Amino acid sequence: GLVYDSRDFEPDPSRGIFAEITHERSHRAVGSNFEFNRTYASVRYFYQIFPSVFKKLVFASRVAFVHNAGNLPFFEYRNMWS
């Protein structure tokens, strides 16, 4: 996976971007009982609104995308976001 992180403070960000993309491949050739692909991408954005008036008011948003393909086992369904 790849990650980009420009948040000012990881545990409690006031501004910045956190973006990531990961890819999983499960295949019989590497010892798995299942064959599937999963691609996950997300972007989180943090922006402090009116910092002179509200010290801790932060606008936060996230956009995420998950694509699953192949023969997913039932226990992988918990990782399927909506």
Protein backbone atom coordinates (compact mmCIF):
# COMPACT_ATOMS: atom_id res chain seq x y z
CA GLY A 1 0.00 0.00 0.00
CA LEU A 2 0.85 3.68 -0.27
CA VAL A 3 0.10 6.39 2.30
CA TYR A 4 0.33 10.19 2.21
CA ASP A 5 -0.03 12.01 5.53
CA SER A 6 0.15 15.78 6.03
CA ARG A 7 -1.90 15.99 9.27
CA ASP A 8 -0.54 18.37 11.88
CA PHE A 9 -1.09 15.99 14.83
CA GLU A 10 -1.89 12.32 14.16
CA PRO A 11 -4.08 11.50 17.22
CA ASP A 12 -6.14 14.73 17.02
CA PRO A 13 -5.61 16.56 13.71
CA SER A 14 -6.74 20.14 13.11
CA ARG A 15 -5.66 20.32 9.49
CA GLY A 16 -4.14 18.17 6.79
CA ILE A 17 -4.80 15.24 4.50
CA PHE A 18 -4.46 11.52 5.04
CA ALA A 19 -4.71 9.44 1.86
CA GLU A 20 -4.07 5.74 1.36
CA ILE A 21 -4.43 3.02 -1.22
CA THR A 22 -3.90 -0.68 -0.57
CA HIS A 23 -4.27 -3.82 -2.65
CA GLU A 24 -4.64 -7.39 -1.41
CA ARG A 25 -4.23 -10.45 -3.58
CA SER A 26 -5.13 -13.91 -2.32
CA HIS A 27 -4.14 -16.76 -4.62
CA ARG A 28 -3.78 -20.53 -4.45
CA ALA A 29 -0.21 -20.23 -5.75
CA VAL A 30 0.85 -18.61 -2.46
CA GLY A 31 -0.97 -21.12 -0.26
CA SER A 32 -4.44 -19.61 0.09
CA ASN A 33 -7.65 -21.59 -0.24
CA PHE A 34 -9.31 -18.62 -1.95
CA GLU A 35 -8.65 -16.44 -4.97
CA PHE A 36 -9.68 -12.81 -4.75
CA ASN A 37 -8.50 -9.21 -5.09
CA ARG A 38 -9.34 -6.27 -2.87
CA THR A 39 -8.45 -2.65 -3.56
CA TYR A 40 -9.12 -0.01 -0.92
CA ALA A 41 -8.62 3.73 -1.33
CA SER A 42 -9.54 6.56 1.03
CA VAL A 43 -8.89 10.24 1.52
CA ARG A 44 -9.48 12.07 4.82
CA TYR A 45 -9.45 15.85 4.99
CA PHE A 46 -9.22 18.01 8.12
CA TYR A 47 -9.69 21.78 8.24
CA GLN A 48 -9.96 24.03 11.28
CA ILE A 49 -12.98 26.33 10.97
CA PHE A 50 -12.71 29.84 12.46
CA PRO A 51 -9.62 29.09 14.59
CA SER A 52 -9.68 32.53 16.22
CA VAL A 53 -13.23 31.97 17.53
CA PHE A 54 -13.48 28.19 17.98
CA LYS A 55 -10.23 26.61 19.10
CA LYS A 56 -11.29 23.00 18.52
CA LEU A 57 -13.89 23.20 15.73
CA VAL A 58 -12.60 21.03 12.89
CA PHE A 59 -14.32 20.10 9.64
CA ALA A 60 -13.47 16.47 8.89
CA SER A 61 -14.47 14.40 5.90
CA ARG A 62 -13.65 11.04 4.39
CA VAL A 63 -14.23 9.43 1.03
CA ALA A 64 -13.53 5.70 0.72
CA PHE A 65 -13.75 3.14 -2.07
CA VAL A 66 -13.47 -0.66 -1.83
CA HIS A 67 -13.49 -3.01 -4.79
CA ASN A 68 -13.65 -6.77 -4.23
CA ALA A 69 -13.36 -9.31 -7.04
CA GLY A 70 -13.18 -13.08 -7.07
CA ASN A 71 -14.21 -15.78 -4.62
CA LEU A 72 -14.29 -14.03 -1.24
CA PRO A 73 -14.75 -16.27 1.80
CA PHE A 74 -17.57 -15.37 4.20
CA PHE A 75 -15.18 -14.11 6.91
CA GLU A 76 -13.87 -11.41 4.57
CA TYR A 77 -17.33 -9.82 4.27
CA ARG A 78 -16.69 -7.82 7.46
CA ASN A 79 -14.13 -5.83 5.45
CA MET A 80 -16.69 -4.84 2.81
CA TRP A 81 -17.61 -1.25 3.58
CA SER A 82 -20.66 0.55 2.32
